[in-house]
PDB file of N, CA and C in Angstrom:
ATOM      1  N   ALA A   1      -6.193  -0.608   2.090  1.00  0.00           N
ATOM      2  CA  ALA A   1      -4.799  -1.052   2.467  1.00  0.00           C
ATOM      3  C   ALA A   1      -3.573   0.359   1.715  1.00  0.00           C
ATOM      4  N   ASP A   2      -2.419   0.937   2.517  1.00  0.00           N
ATOM      5  CA  ASP A   2      -1.576   1.483   2.045  1.00  0.00           C
ATOM      6  C   ASP A   2      -0.297   0.431   1.324  1.00  0.00           C
ATOM      7  N   THR A   3      -0.299  -0.232   0.788  1.00  0.00           N
ATOM      8  CA  THR A   3       0.272  -0.506   0.635  1.00  0.00           C
ATOM      9  C   THR A   3       1.554  -0.886  -0.633  1.00  0.00           C
ATOM     10  N   TYR A   4       3.100  -0.658  -1.113  1.00  0.00           N
ATOM     11  CA  TYR A   4       3.078  -0.241  -2.094  1.00  0.00           C
ATOM     12  C   TYR A   4       2.515  -0.369  -2.997  1.00  0.00           C
ATOM     13  N   ARG A   5       2.852  -1.698  -3.992  1.00  0.00           N
ATOM     14  CA  ARG A   5       1.356  -1.673  -4.731  1.00  0.00           C
ATOM     15  C   ARG A   5       0.350  -0.946  -5.067  1.00  0.00           C
ATOM     16  N   ALA A   6      -0.283  -0.610  -3.582  1.00  0.00           N
ATOM     17  CA  ALA A   6      -1.488  -0.039  -3.690  1.00  0.00           C
ATOM     18  C   ALA A   6      -1.172   1.443  -4.717  1.00  0.00           C
ATOM     19  N   ARG A   7       0.342   2.325  -3.542  1.00  0.00           N
ATOM     20  CA  ARG A   7       0.692   3.180  -4.605  1.00  0.00           C
ATOM     21  C   ARG A   7       0.660   3.413  -5.641  1.00  0.00           C
ATOM     22  N   LEU A   8       1.937   1.978  -5.894  1.00  0.00           N
ATOM     23  CA  LEU A   8       1.946   2.119  -6.922  1.00  0.00           C
ATOM     24  C   LEU A   8       1.198   1.987  -8.311  1.00  0.00           C
ATOM     25  N   TRP A   9      -0.360   1.699  -8.009  1.00  0.00           N
ATOM     26  CA  TRP A   9      -1.020   1.468  -8.256  1.00  0.00           C
ATOM     27  C   TRP A   9      -1.541   2.989  -9.093  1.00  0.00           C
ATOM     28  N   ARG A  10      -1.678   3.673  -6.788  1.00  0.00           N
ATOM     29  CA  ARG A  10      -2.913   5.218  -8.101  1.00  0.00           C
ATOM     30  C   ARG A  10      -1.587   5.860  -9.019  1.00  0.00           C
ATOM     31  N   SER A  11      -0.075   5.889  -8.324  1.00  0.00           N
ATOM     32  CA  SER A  11       0.552   6.523  -9.379  1.00  0.00           C
ATOM     33  C   SER A  11       0.606   6.205 -11.070  1.00  0.00           C
ATOM     34  N   ILE A  12       0.674   4.530 -11.099  1.00  0.00           N
ATOM     35  CA  ILE A  12      -0.055   4.999 -12.803  1.00  0.00           C
ATOM     36  C   ILE A  12      -1.556   5.199 -13.095  1.00  0.00           C
ATOM     37  N   ARG A  13      -2.561   5.181 -12.896  1.00  0.00           N
ATOM     38  CA  ARG A  13      -3.491   6.165 -12.296  1.00  0.00           C
ATOM     39  C   ARG A  13      -3.700   7.188 -13.191  1.00  0.00           C
ATOM     40  N   ALA A  14      -3.555   7.820 -12.062  1.00  0.00           N
ATOM     41  CA  ALA A  14      -2.370   9.199 -12.007  1.00  0.00           C
ATOM     42  C   ALA A  14      -1.896   9.645 -13.325  1.00  0.00           C
ATOM     43  N   ARG A  15      -0.897   8.673 -13.799  1.00  0.00           N
ATOM     44  CA  ARG A  15       0.248   9.258 -14.613  1.00  0.00           C
ATOM     45  C   ARG A  15      -0.758   9.279 -16.517  1.00  0.00           C
ATOM     46  N   ARG A  16      -1.428   7.854 -16.212  1.00  0.00           N
ATOM     47  CA  ARG A  16      -1.861   7.261 -18.162  1.00  0.00           C
ATOM     48  C   ARG A  16      -0.391   6.912 -18.412  1.00  0.00           C
ATOM     49  N   ALA A  17       0.560   7.274 -18.788  1.00  0.00           N
ATOM     50  CA  ALA A  17       2.448   7.149 -19.470  1.00  0.00           C
ATOM     51  C   ALA A  17       2.945   6.892 -18.076  1.00  0.00           C
ATOM     52  N   PHE A  18       4.002   6.062 -18.324  1.00  0.00           N
ATOM     53  CA  PHE A  18       4.721   6.182 -16.579  1.00  0.00           C
ATOM     54  C   PHE A  18       5.699   5.646 -17.842  1.00  0.00           C
ATOM     55  N   GLY A  19       7.115   5.865 -16.626  1.00  0.00           N
ATOM     56  CA  GLY A  19       8.530   4.721 -17.134  1.00  0.00           C
ATOM     57  C   GLY A  19       8.213   4.169 -16.006  1.00  0.00           C
ATOM     58  N   LEU A  20       9.691   2.982 -15.685  1.00  0.00           N
ATOM     59  CA  LEU A  20       8.759   2.397 -13.903  1.00  0.00           C
ATOM     60  C   LEU A  20      10.288   3.535 -12.957  1.00  0.00           C
ATOM     61  N   HIS A  21      10.802   3.900 -13.266  1.00  0.00           N
ATOM     62  CA  HIS A  21      11.558   5.056 -12.251  1.00  0.00           C
ATOM     63  C   HIS A  21      10.731   6.537 -11.564  1.00  0.00           C
ATOM     64  N   ASP A  22       9.400   6.387 -12.894  1.00  0.00           N
ATOM     65  CA  ASP A  22       8.636   7.389 -12.523  1.00  0.00           C
ATOM     66  C   ASP A  22       7.054   6.999 -10.789  1.00  0.00           C
ATOM     67  N   ILE A  23       7.077   5.429 -11.219  1.00  0.00           N
ATOM     68  CA  ILE A  23       6.210   5.469 -10.182  1.00  0.00           C
ATOM     69  C   ILE A  23       6.994   4.725  -8.740  1.00  0.00           C
ATOM     70  N   VAL A  24       8.184   4.650  -9.003  1.00  0.00           N
ATOM     71  CA  VAL A  24       8.473   3.922  -8.302  1.00  0.00           C
ATOM     72  C   VAL A  24       8.821   4.993  -7.641  1.00  0.00           C
ATOM     73  N   LEU A  25       9.217   6.579  -7.571  1.00  0.00           N
ATOM     74  CA  LEU A  25       9.700   7.354  -7.309  1.00  0.00           C
ATOM     75  C   LEU A  25       8.004   8.178  -6.446  1.00  0.00           C
ATOM     76  N   ASP A  26       7.628   7.948  -6.725  1.00  0.00           N
ATOM     77  CA  ASP A  26       6.065   8.369  -6.548  1.00  0.00           C
ATOM     78  C   ASP A  26       5.285   7.598  -5.309  1.00  0.00           C
ATOM     79  N   ALA A  27       5.673   6.906  -5.180  1.00  0.00           N
ATOM     80  CA  ALA A  27       5.801   5.586  -4.247  1.00  0.00           C
ATOM     81  C   ALA A  27       6.570   4.795  -3.131  1.00  0.00           C
ATOM     82  N   VAL A  28       7.855   4.662  -3.453  1.00  0.00           N
ATOM     83  CA  VAL A  28       8.297   4.046  -2.388  1.00  0.00           C
ATOM     84  C   VAL A  28       8.417   4.780  -1.353  1.00  0.00           C
ATOM     85  N   ARG A  29       8.750   4.246  -0.004  1.00  0.00           N
ATOM     86  CA  ARG A  29       8.687   4.616   1.019  1.00  0.00           C
ATOM     87  C   ARG A  29       9.661   4.271   1.999  1.00  0.00           C
ATOM     88  N   ALA A  30       9.822   2.782   2.321  1.00  0.00           N
ATOM     89  CA  ALA A  30      11.014   2.156   2.775  1.00  0.00           C
ATOM     90  C   ALA A  30      10.918   0.949   2.374  1.00  0.00           C
ATOM     91  N   GLU A  31      10.568   0.160   1.071  1.00  0.00           N
ATOM     92  CA  GLU A  31      10.047  -0.764   1.360  1.00  0.00           C
ATOM     93  C   GLU A  31      12.346  -1.024   0.132  1.00  0.00           C
ATOM     94  N   ARG A  32      12.172  -2.163   0.782  1.00  0.00           N
ATOM     95  CA  ARG A  32      13.533  -2.853  -0.069  1.00  0.00           C
ATOM     96  C   ARG A  32      12.797  -3.398  -1.481  1.00  0.00           C
ATOM     97  N   ASP A  33      14.128  -3.412  -2.410  1.00  0.00           N
ATOM     98  CA  ASP A  33      14.408  -4.029  -3.524  1.00  0.00           C
ATOM     99  C   ASP A  33      12.823  -3.079  -4.443  1.00  0.00           C
ATOM    100  N   ALA A  34      11.966  -2.069  -3.964  1.00  0.00           N
ATOM    101  CA  ALA A  34      10.842  -1.696  -4.737  1.00  0.00           C
ATOM    102  C   ALA A  34      11.379  -1.733  -6.234  1.00  0.00           C
ATOM    103  N   GLN A  35      12.612  -1.445  -6.522  1.00  0.00           N
ATOM    104  CA  GLN A  35      12.477  -1.364  -8.321  1.00  0.00           C
ATOM    105  C   GLN A  35      11.405  -2.824  -8.352  1.00  0.00           C
ATOM    106  N   ASP A  36      12.481  -3.711  -7.858  1.00  0.00           N
ATOM    107  CA  ASP A  36      12.689  -5.293  -8.594  1.00  0.00           C
ATOM    108  C   ASP A  36      10.995  -5.550  -8.383  1.00  0.00           C
ATOM    109  N   GLU A  37      10.300  -5.060  -7.644  1.00  0.00           N
ATOM    110  CA  GLU A  37       8.997  -5.327  -6.901  1.00  0.00           C
ATOM    111  C   GLU A  37       8.281  -4.363  -7.969  1.00  0.00           C
ATOM    112  N   ALA A  38       8.070  -3.660  -8.621  1.00  0.00           N
ATOM    113  CA  ALA A  38       7.498  -2.497  -8.995  1.00  0.00           C
ATOM    114  C   ALA A  38       7.793  -3.376 -10.892  1.00  0.00           C
ATOM    115  N   ARG A  39       9.173  -3.312 -11.039  1.00  0.00           N
ATOM    116  CA  ARG A  39       8.726  -4.717 -12.629  1.00  0.00           C
ATOM    117  C   ARG A  39       8.305  -5.036 -12.261  1.00  0.00           C
ATOM    118  N   ARG A  40       8.210  -6.532 -11.287  1.00  0.00           N
ATOM    119  CA  ARG A  40       7.558  -7.310 -10.961  1.00  0.00           C
ATOM    120  C   ARG A  40       5.621  -7.093 -10.791  1.00  0.00           C
ATOM    121  N   TYR A  41       5.096  -6.250 -10.873  1.00  0.00           N
ATOM    122  CA  TYR A  41       3.758  -5.869 -10.158  1.00  0.00           C
ATOM    123  C   TYR A  41       3.575  -5.439 -12.163  1.00  0.00           C
ATOM    124  N   VAL A  42       4.344  -4.368 -12.721  1.00  0.00           N
ATOM    125  CA  VAL A  42       3.952  -3.438 -14.141  1.00  0.00           C
ATOM    126  C   VAL A  42       4.038  -5.321 -15.197  1.00  0.00           C
ATOM    127  N   ARG A  43       5.218  -6.073 -15.102  1.00  0.00           N
ATOM    128  CA  ARG A  43       5.269  -7.564 -15.771  1.00  0.00           C
ATOM    129  C   ARG A  43       3.438  -8.072 -15.312  1.00  0.00           C
ATOM    130  N   GLN A  44       2.919  -8.207 -14.382  1.00  0.00           N
ATOM    131  CA  GLN A  44       1.784  -8.889 -14.111  1.00  0.00           C
ATOM    132  C   GLN A  44       0.375  -8.489 -15.004  1.00  0.00           C
ATOM    133  N   LEU A  45       0.512  -7.005 -14.459  1.00  0.00           N
ATOM    134  CA  LEU A  45      -0.262  -5.938 -15.219  1.00  0.00           C
ATOM    135  C   LEU A  45      -0.354  -5.700 -16.217  1.00  0.00           C
ATOM    136  N   GLU A  46       1.051  -6.028 -17.148  1.00  0.00           N
ATOM    137  CA  GLU A  46       0.566  -5.835 -19.050  1.00  0.00           C
ATOM    138  C   GLU A  46       0.333  -7.344 -18.906  1.00  0.00           C
ATOM    139  N   ALA A  47       0.380  -8.647 -19.056  1.00  0.00           N
ATOM    140  CA  ALA A  47       0.296  -9.922 -18.471  1.00  0.00           C
ATOM    141  C   ALA A  47      -1.224 -10.596 -19.086  1.00  0.00           C
ATOM    142  N   ALA A  48      -1.909  -9.211 -18.152  1.00  0.00           N
ATOM    143  CA  ALA A  48      -3.825  -9.208 -17.803  1.00  0.00           C
ATOM    144  C   ALA A  48      -3.963  -8.620 -19.074  1.00  0.00           C
ATOM    145  N   GLY A  49      -3.704  -7.596 -19.597  1.00  0.00           N
ATOM    146  CA  GLY A  49      -3.832  -5.843 -20.005  1.00  0.00           C
ATOM    147  C   GLY A  49      -4.694  -4.915 -19.873  1.00  0.00           C
ATOM    148  N   TYR A  50      -3.373  -5.133 -18.311  1.00  0.00           N
ATOM    149  CA  TYR A  50      -3.944  -3.509 -18.497  1.00  0.00           C
ATOM    150  C   TYR A  50      -3.278  -2.488 -18.984  1.00  0.00           C
ATOM    151  N   LEU A  51      -2.250  -2.848 -18.620  1.00  0.00           N
ATOM    152  CA  LEU A  51      -0.874  -2.036 -19.674  1.00  0.00           C
ATOM    153  C   LEU A  51      -0.669  -2.775 -20.590  1.00  0.00           C
ATOM    154  N   ALA A  52       0.032  -0.996 -21.370  1.00  0.00           N
ATOM    155  CA  ALA A  52       1.021  -2.207 -22.665  1.00  0.00           C
ATOM    156  C   ALA A  52       1.562  -1.258 -22.621  1.00  0.00           C
ATOM    157  N   PRO A  53       2.924  -1.443 -23.370  1.00  0.00           N
ATOM    158  CA  PRO A  53       3.876  -0.781 -24.690  1.00  0.00           C
ATOM    159  C   PRO A  53       3.810   0.532 -24.685  1.00  0.00           C
ATOM    160  N   MET A  54       5.016   1.253 -24.479  1.00  0.00           N
ATOM    161  CA  MET A  54       4.478   2.411 -24.686  1.00  0.00           C
ATOM    162  C   MET A  54       5.496   1.653 -26.467  1.00  0.00           C
ATOM    163  N   PRO A  55       4.249   3.163 -27.397  1.00  0.00           N
ATOM    164  CA  PRO A  55       5.174   2.062 -29.109  1.00  0.00           C
ATOM    165  C   PRO A  55       6.636   3.819 -29.373  1.00  0.00           C
ATOM    166  N   GLY A  56       6.854   2.414 -30.121  1.00  0.00           N
ATOM    167  CA  GLY A  56       8.497   3.195 -30.396  1.00  0.00           C
ATOM    168  C   GLY A  56       8.996   2.956 -29.438  1.00  0.00           C
ATOM    169  N   ARG A  57      10.587   4.366 -29.693  1.00  0.00           N
ATOM    170  CA  ARG A  57      11.513   4.016 -28.690  1.00  0.00           C
ATOM    171  C   ARG A  57      11.301   3.407 -27.268  1.00  0.00           C
ATOM    172  N   SER A  58      10.466   5.145 -26.683  1.00  0.00           N
ATOM    173  CA  SER A  58      10.107   4.999 -25.055  1.00  0.00           C
ATOM    174  C   SER A  58      10.160   4.548 -24.398  1.00  0.00           C
ATOM    175  N   ARG A  59      10.465   4.190 -23.606  1.00  0.00           N
ATOM    176  CA  ARG A  59      10.428   3.131 -22.197  1.00  0.00           C
ATOM    177  C   ARG A  59       9.165   2.848 -21.396  1.00  0.00           C
ATOM    178  N   GLY A  60       8.328   3.082 -21.668  1.00  0.00           N
ATOM    179  CA  GLY A  60       7.609   2.454 -20.848  1.00  0.00           C
ATOM    180  C   GLY A  60       6.258   2.323 -21.195  1.00  0.00           C
ATOM    181  N   TRP A  61       5.051   2.154 -20.431  1.00  0.00           N
ATOM    182  CA  TRP A  61       4.182   1.955 -20.505  1.00  0.00           C
ATOM    183  C   TRP A  61       2.940   2.677 -20.322  1.00  0.00           C
ATOM    184  N   ARG A  62       1.695   2.689 -20.718  1.00  0.00           N
ATOM    185  CA  ARG A  62       0.201   3.529 -20.837  1.00  0.00           C
ATOM    186  C   ARG A  62      -0.480   1.970 -20.219  1.00  0.00           C
ATOM    187  N   LEU A  63      -1.767   2.995 -19.652  1.00  0.00           N
ATOM    188  CA  LEU A  63      -2.745   2.647 -19.127  1.00  0.00           C
ATOM    189  C   LEU A  63      -3.675   2.285 -19.739  1.00  0.00           C
ATOM    190  N   VAL A  64      -3.998   0.859 -20.022  1.00  0.00           N
ATOM    191  CA  VAL A  64      -5.136   0.188 -21.301  1.00  0.00           C
ATOM    192  C   VAL A  64      -6.172   0.184 -20.696  1.00  0.00           C
ATOM    193  N   ARG A  65      -6.961  -0.214 -19.415  1.00  0.00           N
ATOM    194  CA  ARG A  65      -7.662  -0.669 -18.452  1.00  0.00           C
ATOM    195  C   ARG A  65      -7.342   0.021 -17.516  1.00  0.00           C
ATOM    196  N   ASP A  66      -8.357   0.826 -16.653  1.00  0.00           N
ATOM    197  CA  ASP A  66      -8.941   1.479 -15.780  1.00  0.00           C
ATOM    198  C   ASP A  66      -9.961   0.868 -14.892  1.00  0.00           C
ATOM    199  N   PRO A  67     -10.108  -0.446 -14.098  1.00  0.00           N
ATOM    200  CA  PRO A  67     -11.117  -1.202 -13.971  1.00  0.00           C
ATOM    201  C   PRO A  67     -11.724  -0.347 -11.946  1.00  0.00           C
ATOM    202  N   GLY A  68     -10.766   0.579 -11.951  1.00  0.00           N
ATOM    203  CA  GLY A  68     -11.102   1.266 -10.935  1.00  0.00           C
ATOM    204  C   GLY A  68     -10.199   2.199  -9.756  1.00  0.00           C
ATOM    205  N   PRO A  69      -9.740   2.221  -8.253  1.00  0.00           N
ATOM    206  CA  PRO A  69      -9.342   3.178  -8.058  1.00  0.00           C
ATOM    207  C   PRO A  69      -8.880   1.888  -6.880  1.00  0.00           C
ATOM    208  N   LEU A  70      -9.135   0.324  -6.780  1.00  0.00           N
ATOM    209  CA  LEU A  70      -8.108  -0.738  -5.725  1.00  0.00           C
ATOM    210  C   LEU A  70      -7.252  -0.927  -6.919  1.00  0.00           C
ATOM    211  N   ALA A  71      -6.664  -1.480  -6.312  1.00  0.00           N
ATOM    212  CA  ALA A  71      -5.293  -1.961  -7.097  1.00  0.00           C
ATOM    213  C   ALA A  71      -5.907  -3.637  -7.539  1.00  0.00           C
ATOM    214  N   PRO A  72      -5.966  -3.699  -8.751  1.00  0.00           N
ATOM    215  CA  PRO A  72      -5.573  -4.857  -9.693  1.00  0.00           C
ATOM    216  C   PRO A  72      -4.591  -5.703  -7.851  1.00  0.00           C
ATOM    217  N   VAL A  73      -4.729  -7.204  -7.761  1.00  0.00           N
ATOM    218  CA  VAL A  73      -3.692  -8.174  -6.479  1.00  0.00           C
ATOM    219  C   VAL A  73      -3.519  -9.343  -7.550  1.00  0.00           C
ATOM    220  N   TRP A  74      -2.488  -9.607  -7.285  1.00  0.00           N
ATOM    221  CA  TRP A  74      -1.381 -11.140  -8.057  1.00  0.00           C
ATOM    222  C   TRP A  74      -2.605 -12.183  -6.706  1.00  0.00           C
ATOM    223  N   SER A  75      -2.853 -12.791  -7.512  1.00  0.00           N
ATOM    224  CA  SER A  75      -3.460 -14.768  -6.994  1.00  0.00           C
ATOM    225  C   SER A  75      -1.752 -15.252  -7.148  1.00  0.00           C
ATOM    226  N   GLN A  76      -1.066 -15.520  -6.003  1.00  0.00           N
ATOM    227  CA  GLN A  76      -0.009 -16.888  -6.904  1.00  0.00           C
ATOM    228  C   GLN A  76      -1.295 -18.139  -6.550  1.00  0.00           C
ATOM    229  N   ALA A  77      -2.196 -18.119  -6.174  1.00  0.00           N
ATOM    230  CA  ALA A  77      -3.182 -19.765  -6.029  1.00  0.00           C
ATOM    231  C   ALA A  77      -3.228 -19.464  -7.248  1.00  0.00           C
ATOM    232  N   ARG A  78      -4.380 -18.813  -7.890  1.00  0.00           N
ATOM    233  CA  ARG A  78      -4.686 -18.716  -9.588  1.00  0.00           C
ATOM    234  C   ARG A  78      -3.399 -18.225 -10.031  1.00  0.00           C
ATOM    235  N   ARG A  79      -2.636 -18.091 -10.391  1.00  0.00           N
ATOM    236  CA  ARG A  79      -1.277 -17.780 -10.980  1.00  0.00           C
ATOM    237  C   ARG A  79      -2.135 -16.570 -12.375  1.00  0.00           C
ATOM    238  N   ALA A  80      -3.069 -15.058 -11.242  1.00  0.00           N
ATOM    239  CA  ALA A  80      -3.220 -14.334 -12.143  1.00  0.00           C
ATOM    240  C   ALA A  80      -4.126 -13.252 -11.544  1.00  0.00           C
ATOM    241  N   ILE A  81      -4.319 -11.828 -11.932  1.00  0.00           N
ATOM    242  CA  ILE A  81      -4.587 -11.077 -11.615  1.00  0.00           C
ATOM    243  C   ILE A  81      -6.247 -10.780 -11.301  1.00  0.00           C
ATOM    244  N   ARG A  82      -6.306 -10.650  -9.271  1.00  0.00           N
ATOM    245  CA  ARG A  82      -7.885 -10.665  -9.284  1.00  0.00           C
ATOM    246  C   ARG A  82      -7.867  -9.553  -9.347  1.00  0.00           C
ATOM    247  N   ASP A  83      -8.862  -9.016 -10.084  1.00  0.00           N
ATOM    248  CA  ASP A  83      -9.651  -6.751  -9.686  1.00  0.00           C
ATOM    249  C   ASP A  83     -11.076  -6.733  -8.657  1.00  0.00           C
ATOM    250  N   PRO A  84     -10.560  -6.939  -7.438  1.00  0.00           N
ATOM    251  CA  PRO A  84     -11.285  -5.874  -6.541  1.00  0.00           C
ATOM    252  C   PRO A  84     -12.033  -5.144  -6.222  1.00  0.00           C
ATOM    253  N   ASN A  85     -12.658  -4.271  -7.605  1.00  0.00           N
ATOM    254  CA  ASN A  85     -13.105  -3.562  -7.771  1.00  0.00           C
ATOM    255  C   ASN A  85     -14.426  -3.709  -8.512  1.00  0.00           C
ATOM    256  N   ALA A  86     -14.112  -4.877  -9.006  1.00  0.00           N
ATOM    257  CA  ALA A  86     -15.816  -5.863  -9.421  1.00  0.00           C
ATOM    258  C   ALA A  86     -15.851  -6.314  -8.264  1.00  0.00           C
ATOM    259  N   GLU A  87     -15.039  -6.929  -7.111  1.00  0.00           N
ATOM    260  CA  GLU A  87     -16.128  -7.395  -6.132  1.00  0.00           C
ATOM    261  C   GLU A  87     -16.645  -6.039  -5.277  1.00  0.00           C
ATOM    262  N   ALA A  88     -16.218  -4.709  -5.737  1.00  0.00           N
ATOM    263  CA  ALA A  88     -16.860  -3.890  -4.796  1.00  0.00           C
ATOM    264  C   ALA A  88     -17.509  -2.895  -5.287  1.00  0.00           C
ATOM    265  N   GLY A  89     -17.940  -3.505  -7.237  1.00  0.00           N
ATOM    266  CA  GLY A  89     -19.015  -2.716  -7.282  1.00  0.00           C
ATOM    267  C   GLY A  89     -18.254  -1.486  -8.274  1.00  0.00           C
ATOM    268  N   HIS A  90     -17.198  -1.089  -8.469  1.00  0.00           N
ATOM    269  CA  HIS A  90     -16.289  -0.174  -8.745  1.00  0.00           C
ATOM    270  C   HIS A  90     -16.096  -0.426 -10.107  1.00  0.00           C
ATOM    271  N   GLY A  91     -16.434  -1.517 -10.527  1.00  0.00           N
ATOM    272  CA  GLY A  91     -16.298  -1.562 -12.003  1.00  0.00           C
ATOM    273  C   GLY A  91     -16.311  -0.408 -13.116  1.00  0.00           C
ATOM    274  N   ARG A  92     -15.662  -0.308 -13.260  1.00  0.00           N
ATOM    275  CA  ARG A  92     -15.533   0.886 -15.206  1.00  0.00           C
ATOM    276  C   ARG A  92     -14.501   0.693 -16.155  1.00  0.00           C
ATOM    277  N   SER A  93     -14.683  -0.732 -16.116  1.00  0.00           N
ATOM    278  CA  SER A  93     -13.588  -1.373 -17.441  1.00  0.00           C
ATOM    279  C   SER A  93     -13.682  -0.018 -18.640  1.00  0.00           C
TER     280      SER A  93
END
């Protein structure tokens, strides 16, 4: 699906190192609260070990675990990130 989070994930994978503003510009169409939603998704990915903060004084993140082309999904029920790549056989951590 071409969801906002899927577009954010594609941007993250393409850039490898990024600031929030960069991926929002890449992914936004007509989403409301695009910056806040991107910030939430980045925090979830960081907590799950997909992203790490950039070292030093730069503000941003780098991709440290790339499981594949499908965007990791937040599962509210499990309160954790679910990796659809593992389910689809795309795994390449």
